Amino acid sequence: MKLLIVILIALGGSSLCQDKDRYAQERNRMVESQIAARGISHQPTLQAMRKVPRHLFVPSVLAGEAYTDRPLPIGYNQTISQPFVVAYMTELSRPARGKKALEIGTGSGYQAAVLAEIVDTVYTIEIVPELAREAAARLKILGYSNIVAKYGDGYKGWPEHAPFDVIMVTAAADHIPQPLKDQLAEGGRLVMPVGDPATVQQLIVLTKRKGRITEQRLAPVRFVPLKRLNMK
């Protein structure tokens, strides 16, 4: 009960109806100037970015900066990615109705919410226990009944619910975990930053066709490291 009260306070005391008046224009400007203007054209992604209230996924003191083109801290040495990167990774994953997604690195829950506006179900795993609890409560308050969130080691994926049409990893490692490759559905796409977590990484997309996996290396990015349980 205490956790839910804390999160309700963090939402700024404004209802979603008030949010439409206060933030809808900022979201539209964000989508037009930061995302569509830079080449993102996948309409479901653009619609999701216009709808999901990003200011409710950052600390309340940073709500006024939620629609700027940069990542923001969310506590516990973690960040919420800049809006363009969220949109870019979403478009690359090719989400659609009828699909099931796995996200590794729930963070505050923003990327999971964006995916949930498009696909049927999102399974999301967070290794920081405090963030896992906060995100699960936040997503429930906001009505995302098609998101299943848990605390755990995302390196292992979620085999009980595999295979996944979309797998998105929002933390960097020097390789793509084999369990995630194994849990990718036929025709599915996996998007992940790969490289030295201390420097710039490459955004990689894996696609599975007829049991074979192909790889594309795309833009340079910077993400926090992919953590493991029981490992230093």
C-alpha atoms as a PDB file:
ATOM      1  CA  MET A   1       0.000   0.000   0.000  1.00  0.00           C
ATOM      2  CA  LYS A   2       2.832   2.393   0.858  1.00  0.00           C
ATOM      3  CA  LEU A   3       4.430   1.814  -2.557  1.00  0.00           C
ATOM      4  CA  LEU A   4       1.205   2.616  -4.410  1.00  0.00           C
ATOM      5  CA  ILE A   5       0.793   5.829  -2.419  1.00  0.00           C
ATOM      6  CA  VAL A   6       4.348   6.896  -3.240  1.00  0.00           C
ATOM      7  CA  ILE A   7       3.819   6.298  -6.939  1.00  0.00           C
ATOM      8  CA  LEU A   8       0.492   8.102  -6.984  1.00  0.00           C
ATOM      9  CA  ILE A   9       2.242  11.112  -5.457  1.00  0.00           C
ATOM     10  CA  ALA A  10       5.031  10.798  -8.039  1.00  0.00           C
ATOM     11  CA  LEU A  11       2.446  10.979 -10.797  1.00  0.00           C
ATOM     12  CA  GLY A  12       2.111  14.595  -9.800  1.00  0.00           C
ATOM     13  CA  GLY A  13      -1.448  14.598  -8.511  1.00  0.00           C
ATOM     14  CA  SER A  14      -2.759  15.212 -12.032  1.00  0.00           C
ATOM     15  CA  SER A  15      -5.302  12.906 -13.573  1.00  0.00           C
ATOM     16  CA  LEU A  16      -4.938  11.561 -17.078  1.00  0.00           C
ATOM     17  CA  CYS A  17      -7.702  13.963 -18.113  1.00  0.00           C
ATOM     18  CA  GLN A  18      -5.613  16.885 -16.871  1.00  0.00           C
ATOM     19  CA  ASP A  19      -2.642  15.319 -18.652  1.00  0.00           C
ATOM     20  CA  LYS A  20      -4.434  15.658 -21.991  1.00  0.00           C
ATOM     21  CA  ASP A  21      -4.672  19.411 -21.473  1.00  0.00           C
ATOM     22  CA  ARG A  22      -1.193  19.913 -20.078  1.00  0.00           C
ATOM     23  CA  TYR A  23       1.044  17.537 -22.012  1.00  0.00           C
ATOM     24  CA  ALA A  24      -0.675  16.469 -25.250  1.00  0.00           C
ATOM     25  CA  GLN A  25       0.809  19.360 -27.205  1.00  0.00           C
ATOM     26  CA  GLU A  26       4.275  18.618 -25.850  1.00  0.00           C
ATOM     27  CA  ARG A  27       3.979  14.974 -26.914  1.00  0.00           C
ATOM     28  CA  ASN A  28       2.830  15.971 -30.382  1.00  0.00           C
ATOM     29  CA  ARG A  29       5.753  18.385 -30.722  1.00  0.00           C
ATOM     30  CA  MET A  30       8.120  15.677 -29.505  1.00  0.00           C
ATOM     31  CA  VAL A  31       6.862  13.240 -32.127  1.00  0.00           C
ATOM     32  CA  GLU A  32       6.930  15.746 -34.971  1.00  0.00           C
ATOM     33  CA  SER A  33      10.259  17.466 -34.250  1.00  0.00           C
ATOM     34  CA  GLN A  34      12.327  14.712 -32.630  1.00  0.00           C
ATOM     35  CA  ILE A  35      10.996  11.507 -34.165  1.00  0.00           C
ATOM     36  CA  ALA A  36       9.051  11.851 -37.428  1.00  0.00           C
ATOM     37  CA  ALA A  37      11.397  14.602 -38.651  1.00  0.00           C
ATOM     38  CA  ARG A  38      14.340  12.210 -38.204  1.00  0.00           C
ATOM     39  CA  GLY A  39      12.872   9.447 -40.329  1.00  0.00           C
ATOM     40  CA  ILE A  40      10.646   7.329 -38.090  1.00  0.00           C
ATOM     41  CA  SER A  41       7.576   6.547 -40.202  1.00  0.00           C
ATOM     42  CA  HIS A  42       5.992   3.477 -38.588  1.00  0.00           C
ATOM     43  CA  GLN A  43       2.527   4.802 -37.780  1.00  0.00           C
ATOM     44  CA  PRO A  44       1.763   2.532 -34.799  1.00  0.00           C
ATOM     45  CA  THR A  45       5.046   3.652 -33.212  1.00  0.00           C
ATOM     46  CA  LEU A  46       4.262   7.321 -33.794  1.00  0.00           C
ATOM     47  CA  GLN A  47       0.752   6.876 -32.397  1.00  0.00           C
ATOM     48  CA  ALA A  48       2.091   5.108 -29.300  1.00  0.00           C
ATOM     49  CA  MET A  49       4.649   7.844 -28.687  1.00  0.00           C
ATOM     50  CA  ARG A  50       1.889  10.453 -28.929  1.00  0.00           C
ATOM     51  CA  LYS A  51      -0.238   8.563 -26.431  1.00  0.00           C
ATOM     52  CA  VAL A  52       2.055   7.286 -23.657  1.00  0.00           C
ATOM     53  CA  PRO A  53       2.548   9.982 -20.975  1.00  0.00           C
ATOM     54  CA  ARG A  54       6.348   9.985 -20.673  1.00  0.00           C
ATOM     55  CA  HIS A  55       6.282  12.523 -17.826  1.00  0.00           C
ATOM     56  CA  LEU A  56       4.653   9.859 -15.624  1.00  0.00           C
ATOM     57  CA  PHE A  57       7.652   7.548 -16.169  1.00  0.00           C
ATOM     58  CA  VAL A  58      10.297   9.948 -14.846  1.00  0.00           C
ATOM     59  CA  PRO A  59      10.793  11.361 -11.338  1.00  0.00           C
ATOM     60  CA  SER A  60       8.219  14.085 -10.676  1.00  0.00           C
ATOM     61  CA  VAL A  61      10.957  16.732 -10.354  1.00  0.00           C
ATOM     62  CA  LEU A  62      11.937  15.985 -13.978  1.00  0.00           C
ATOM     63  CA  ALA A  63       8.406  15.943 -15.431  1.00  0.00           C
ATOM     64  CA  GLY A  64       8.987  19.288 -17.119  1.00  0.00           C
ATOM     65  CA  GLU A  65      11.914  17.785 -19.044  1.00  0.00           C
ATOM     66  CA  ALA A  66      10.175  14.566 -20.036  1.00  0.00           C
ATOM     67  CA  TYR A  67       9.650  15.573 -23.672  1.00  0.00           C
ATOM     68  CA  THR A  68      13.147  16.876 -24.336  1.00  0.00           C
ATOM     69  CA  ASP A  69      15.401  14.941 -26.692  1.00  0.00           C
ATOM     70  CA  ARG A  70      17.634  13.307 -24.103  1.00  0.00           C
ATOM     71  CA  PRO A  71      17.761  10.453 -21.605  1.00  0.00           C
ATOM     72  CA  LEU A  72      16.838  11.194 -17.998  1.00  0.00           C
ATOM     73  CA  PRO A  73      17.869   9.559 -14.719  1.00  0.00           C
ATOM     74  CA  ILE A  74      15.253   7.382 -13.020  1.00  0.00           C
ATOM     75  CA  GLY A  75      17.286   6.411  -9.962  1.00  0.00           C
ATOM     76  CA  TYR A  76      19.456   3.404  -9.048  1.00  0.00           C
ATOM     77  CA  ASN A  77      22.054   4.439 -11.698  1.00  0.00           C
ATOM     78  CA  GLN A  78      19.531   3.775 -14.473  1.00  0.00           C
ATOM     79  CA  THR A  79      18.053   6.022 -17.169  1.00  0.00           C
ATOM     80  CA  ILE A  80      15.033   6.329 -19.409  1.00  0.00           C
ATOM     81  CA  SER A  81      16.196   6.480 -23.036  1.00  0.00           C
ATOM     82  CA  GLN A  82      15.706   9.588 -25.129  1.00  0.00           C
ATOM     83  CA  PRO A  83      12.406   9.562 -27.062  1.00  0.00           C
ATOM     84  CA  PHE A  84      14.036   9.123 -30.479  1.00  0.00           C
ATOM     85  CA  VAL A  85      15.921   6.010 -29.364  1.00  0.00           C
ATOM     86  CA  VAL A  86      12.727   4.511 -27.912  1.00  0.00           C
ATOM     87  CA  ALA A  87      10.897   5.161 -31.169  1.00  0.00           C
ATOM     88  CA  TYR A  88      13.795   3.911 -33.307  1.00  0.00           C
ATOM     89  CA  MET A  89      14.111   0.630 -31.424  1.00  0.00           C
ATOM     90  CA  THR A  90      10.348   0.181 -31.462  1.00  0.00           C
ATOM     91  CA  GLU A  91      10.169   0.669 -35.234  1.00  0.00           C
ATOM     92  CA  LEU A  92      13.109  -1.696 -35.785  1.00  0.00           C
ATOM     93  CA  SER A  93      11.368  -4.447 -33.807  1.00  0.00           C
ATOM     94  CA  ARG A  94       8.353  -4.291 -36.187  1.00  0.00           C
ATOM     95  CA  PRO A  95       5.657  -4.640 -33.535  1.00  0.00           C
ATOM     96  CA  ALA A  96       2.068  -5.328 -34.606  1.00  0.00           C
ATOM     97  CA  ARG A  97      -1.220  -6.681 -33.358  1.00  0.00           C
ATOM     98  CA  GLY A  98      -1.131 -10.413 -32.800  1.00  0.00           C
ATOM     99  CA  LYS A  99       2.509 -10.305 -31.660  1.00  0.00           C
ATOM    100  CA  LYS A 100       4.095 -11.028 -28.286  1.00  0.00           C
ATOM    101  CA  ALA A 101       7.080  -9.057 -26.981  1.00  0.00           C
ATOM    102  CA  LEU A 102       9.800  -9.605 -24.402  1.00  0.00           C
ATOM    103  CA  GLU A 103      11.648  -6.614 -22.963  1.00  0.00           C
ATOM    104  CA  ILE A 104      14.836  -6.957 -20.952  1.00  0.00           C
ATOM    105  CA  GLY A 105      15.318  -3.944 -18.693  1.00  0.00           C
ATOM    106  CA  THR A 106      11.947  -2.549 -17.627  1.00  0.00           C
ATOM    107  CA  GLY A 107      13.405   0.559 -16.028  1.00  0.00           C
ATOM    108  CA  SER A 108      10.510   2.880 -15.273  1.00  0.00           C
ATOM    109  CA  GLY A 109       8.246   0.979 -17.688  1.00  0.00           C
ATOM    110  CA  TYR A 110       8.111   3.496 -20.535  1.00  0.00           C
ATOM    111  CA  GLN A 111       9.362   1.266 -23.364  1.00  0.00           C
ATOM    112  CA  ALA A 112       7.065  -1.534 -22.179  1.00  0.00           C
ATOM    113  CA  ALA A 113       4.117   0.868 -22.301  1.00  0.00           C
ATOM    114  CA  VAL A 114       4.992   1.979 -25.842  1.00  0.00           C
ATOM    115  CA  LEU A 115       5.173  -1.639 -27.013  1.00  0.00           C
ATOM    116  CA  ALA A 116       1.947  -2.490 -25.183  1.00  0.00           C
ATOM    117  CA  GLU A 117       0.093   0.108 -27.251  1.00  0.00           C
ATOM    118  CA  ILE A 118       0.949  -1.942 -30.354  1.00  0.00           C
ATOM    119  CA  VAL A 119       1.391  -5.658 -29.576  1.00  0.00           C
ATOM    120  CA  ASP A 120      -0.951  -8.036 -27.785  1.00  0.00           C
ATOM    121  CA  THR A 121       1.229  -8.798 -24.749  1.00  0.00           C
ATOM    122  CA  VAL A 122       4.505  -7.520 -23.318  1.00  0.00           C
ATOM    123  CA  TYR A 123       6.594  -9.545 -20.878  1.00  0.00           C
ATOM    124  CA  THR A 124       9.197  -7.366 -19.191  1.00  0.00           C
ATOM    125  CA  ILE A 125      12.018  -8.186 -16.745  1.00  0.00           C
ATOM    126  CA  GLU A 126      13.923  -5.803 -14.468  1.00  0.00           C
ATOM    127  CA  ILE A 127      16.956  -6.775 -12.394  1.00  0.00           C
ATOM    128  CA  VAL A 128      16.853  -3.790  -9.999  1.00  0.00           C
ATOM    129  CA  PRO A 129      14.242  -4.857  -7.428  1.00  0.00           C
ATOM    130  CA  GLU A 130      13.147  -1.329  -6.510  1.00  0.00           C
ATOM    131  CA  LEU A 131      12.612  -0.390 -10.161  1.00  0.00           C
ATOM    132  CA  ALA A 132      10.807  -3.678 -10.820  1.00  0.00           C
ATOM    133  CA  ARG A 133       8.308  -2.990  -8.016  1.00  0.00           C
ATOM    134  CA  GLU A 134       7.814   0.651  -8.937  1.00  0.00           C
ATOM    135  CA  ALA A 135       7.354  -0.046 -12.648  1.00  0.00           C
ATOM    136  CA  ALA A 136       4.866  -2.867 -12.041  1.00  0.00           C
ATOM    137  CA  ALA A 137       2.782  -0.628  -9.795  1.00  0.00           C
ATOM    138  CA  ARG A 138       2.980   2.317 -12.204  1.00  0.00           C
ATOM    139  CA  LEU A 139       1.905   0.229 -15.200  1.00  0.00           C
ATOM    140  CA  LYS A 140      -0.997  -1.196 -13.211  1.00  0.00           C
ATOM    141  CA  ILE A 141      -2.152   2.277 -12.154  1.00  0.00           C
ATOM    142  CA  LEU A 142      -2.023   3.420 -15.783  1.00  0.00           C
ATOM    143  CA  GLY A 143      -4.173   0.480 -16.878  1.00  0.00           C
ATOM    144  CA  TYR A 144      -1.705  -1.615 -18.862  1.00  0.00           C
ATOM    145  CA  SER A 145      -3.342  -4.990 -18.313  1.00  0.00           C
ATOM    146  CA  ASN A 146      -1.426  -6.517 -21.240  1.00  0.00           C
ATOM    147  CA  ILE A 147       1.981  -6.056 -19.563  1.00  0.00           C
ATOM    148  CA  VAL A 148       3.397  -8.812 -17.358  1.00  0.00           C
ATOM    149  CA  ALA A 149       6.338  -7.538 -15.307  1.00  0.00           C
ATOM    150  CA  LYS A 150       8.721  -9.339 -12.974  1.00  0.00           C
ATOM    151  CA  TYR A 151      12.002  -8.982 -11.126  1.00  0.00           C
ATOM    152  CA  GLY A 152      14.742 -11.255 -12.419  1.00  0.00           C
ATOM    153  CA  ASP A 153      17.796 -11.884 -14.575  1.00  0.00           C
ATOM    154  CA  GLY A 154      16.872 -10.872 -18.111  1.00  0.00           C
ATOM    155  CA  TYR A 155      19.916 -12.634 -19.587  1.00  0.00           C
ATOM    156  CA  LYS A 156      17.943 -15.873 -19.305  1.00  0.00           C
ATOM    157  CA  GLY A 157      14.849 -14.484 -20.989  1.00  0.00           C
ATOM    158  CA  TRP A 158      11.454 -15.863 -20.027  1.00  0.00           C
ATOM    159  CA  PRO A 159      11.300 -19.411 -21.447  1.00  0.00           C
ATOM    160  CA  GLU A 160       7.877 -20.186 -19.985  1.00  0.00           C
ATOM    161  CA  HIS A 161       6.307 -17.667 -22.386  1.00  0.00           C
ATOM    162  CA  ALA A 162       8.588 -18.142 -25.406  1.00  0.00           C
ATOM    163  CA  PRO A 163       8.776 -17.859 -28.325  1.00  0.00           C
ATOM    164  CA  PHE A 164       8.581 -14.077 -28.754  1.00  0.00           C
ATOM    165  CA  ASP A 165       7.960 -12.153 -31.968  1.00  0.00           C
ATOM    166  CA  VAL A 166       9.777  -9.137 -30.537  1.00  0.00           C
ATOM    167  CA  ILE A 167      12.702  -9.166 -28.106  1.00  0.00           C
ATOM    168  CA  MET A 168      14.054  -5.803 -27.026  1.00  0.00           C
ATOM    169  CA  VAL A 169      17.056  -5.388 -24.740  1.00  0.00           C
ATOM    170  CA  THR A 170      17.460  -1.918 -23.271  1.00  0.00           C
ATOM    171  CA  ALA A 171      20.892  -2.466 -21.708  1.00  0.00           C
ATOM    172  CA  ALA A 172      24.271  -3.134 -23.316  1.00  0.00           C
ATOM    173  CA  ALA A 173      26.495  -6.208 -23.278  1.00  0.00           C
ATOM    174  CA  ASP A 174      29.464  -7.425 -25.309  1.00  0.00           C
ATOM    175  CA  HIS A 175      27.347 -10.196 -26.837  1.00  0.00           C
ATOM    176  CA  ILE A 176      23.727 -11.208 -27.364  1.00  0.00           C
ATOM    177  CA  PRO A 177      22.673 -13.841 -24.816  1.00  0.00           C
ATOM    178  CA  GLN A 178      22.077 -17.251 -26.383  1.00  0.00           C
ATOM    179  CA  PRO A 179      18.867 -17.818 -24.361  1.00  0.00           C
ATOM    180  CA  LEU A 180      17.348 -14.775 -26.060  1.00  0.00           C
ATOM    181  CA  LYS A 181      18.283 -16.054 -29.502  1.00  0.00           C
ATOM    182  CA  ASP A 182      16.728 -19.399 -28.608  1.00  0.00           C
ATOM    183  CA  GLN A 183      13.487 -17.704 -27.532  1.00  0.00           C
ATOM    184  CA  LEU A 184      13.058 -15.709 -30.737  1.00  0.00           C
ATOM    185  CA  ALA A 185      10.067 -16.821 -32.801  1.00  0.00           C
ATOM    186  CA  GLU A 186      10.197 -17.651 -36.480  1.00  0.00           C
ATOM    187  CA  GLY A 187      10.032 -14.324 -38.290  1.00  0.00           C
ATOM    188  CA  GLY A 188      10.829 -12.517 -35.043  1.00  0.00           C
ATOM    189  CA  ARG A 189      13.245  -9.645 -34.474  1.00  0.00           C
ATOM    190  CA  LEU A 190      15.621  -8.973 -31.586  1.00  0.00           C
ATOM    191  CA  VAL A 191      16.962  -5.463 -31.003  1.00  0.00           C
ATOM    192  CA  MET A 192      19.888  -4.874 -28.638  1.00  0.00           C
ATOM    193  CA  PRO A 193      22.874  -2.545 -28.099  1.00  0.00           C
ATOM    194  CA  VAL A 194      26.072  -4.608 -28.307  1.00  0.00           C
ATOM    195  CA  GLY A 195      29.601  -3.544 -27.426  1.00  0.00           C
ATOM    196  CA  ASP A 196      31.679  -2.367 -24.505  1.00  0.00           C
ATOM    197  CA  PRO A 197      29.162  -1.074 -21.921  1.00  0.00           C
ATOM    198  CA  ALA A 198      31.697   1.577 -20.885  1.00  0.00           C
ATOM    199  CA  THR A 199      31.825   3.165 -24.359  1.00  0.00           C
ATOM    200  CA  VAL A 200      29.653   3.503 -27.467  1.00  0.00           C
ATOM    201  CA  GLN A 201      27.801   0.399 -28.622  1.00  0.00           C
ATOM    202  CA  GLN A 202      26.214  -0.643 -31.922  1.00  0.00           C
ATOM    203  CA  LEU A 203      22.488  -1.223 -32.175  1.00  0.00           C
ATOM    204  CA  ILE A 204      22.036  -4.719 -33.608  1.00  0.00           C
ATOM    205  CA  VAL A 205      18.936  -6.348 -35.081  1.00  0.00           C
ATOM    206  CA  LEU A 206      18.649 -10.119 -35.353  1.00  0.00           C
ATOM    207  CA  THR A 207      15.995 -11.688 -37.571  1.00  0.00           C
ATOM    208  CA  LYS A 208      15.053 -15.358 -37.553  1.00  0.00           C
ATOM    209  CA  ARG A 209      13.940 -16.888 -40.857  1.00  0.00           C
ATOM    210  CA  LYS A 210      13.546 -20.623 -41.437  1.00  0.00           C
ATOM    211  CA  GLY A 211      15.488 -21.268 -38.252  1.00  0.00           C
ATOM    212  CA  ARG A 212      18.471 -19.176 -39.349  1.00  0.00           C
ATOM    213  CA  ILE A 213      19.425 -15.891 -37.704  1.00  0.00           C
ATOM    214  CA  THR A 214      20.737 -12.937 -39.680  1.00  0.00           C
ATOM    215  CA  GLU A 215      22.319  -9.825 -38.175  1.00  0.00           C
ATOM    216  CA  GLN A 216      22.213  -6.120 -39.026  1.00  0.00           C
ATOM    217  CA  ARG A 217      24.481  -3.549 -37.393  1.00  0.00           C
ATOM    218  CA  LEU A 218      22.969  -0.100 -37.280  1.00  0.00           C
ATOM    219  CA  ALA A 219      23.454   3.138 -35.342  1.00  0.00           C
ATOM    220  CA  PRO A 220      25.909   3.889 -32.519  1.00  0.00           C
ATOM    221  CA  VAL A 221      24.170   4.192 -29.142  1.00  0.00           C
ATOM    222  CA  ARG A 222      24.944   4.494 -25.424  1.00  0.00           C
ATOM    223  CA  PHE A 223      23.132   2.293 -22.888  1.00  0.00           C
ATOM    224  CA  VAL A 224      23.693   1.294 -19.282  1.00  0.00           C
ATOM    225  CA  PRO A 225      25.289  -2.171 -18.785  1.00  0.00           C
ATOM    226  CA  LEU A 226      23.210  -5.342 -18.770  1.00  0.00           C
ATOM    227  CA  LYS A 227      23.376  -6.610 -15.195  1.00  0.00           C
ATOM    228  CA  ARG A 228      23.334 -10.203 -13.971  1.00  0.00           C
ATOM    229  CA  LEU A 229      22.166 -11.714 -10.717  1.00  0.00           C
ATOM    230  CA  ASN A 230      24.873 -13.207  -8.487  1.00  0.00           C
ATOM    231  CA  MET A 231      27.607 -11.639 -10.599  1.00  0.00           C
ATOM    232  CA  LYS A 232      29.886  -8.723  -9.776  1.00  0.00           C
END
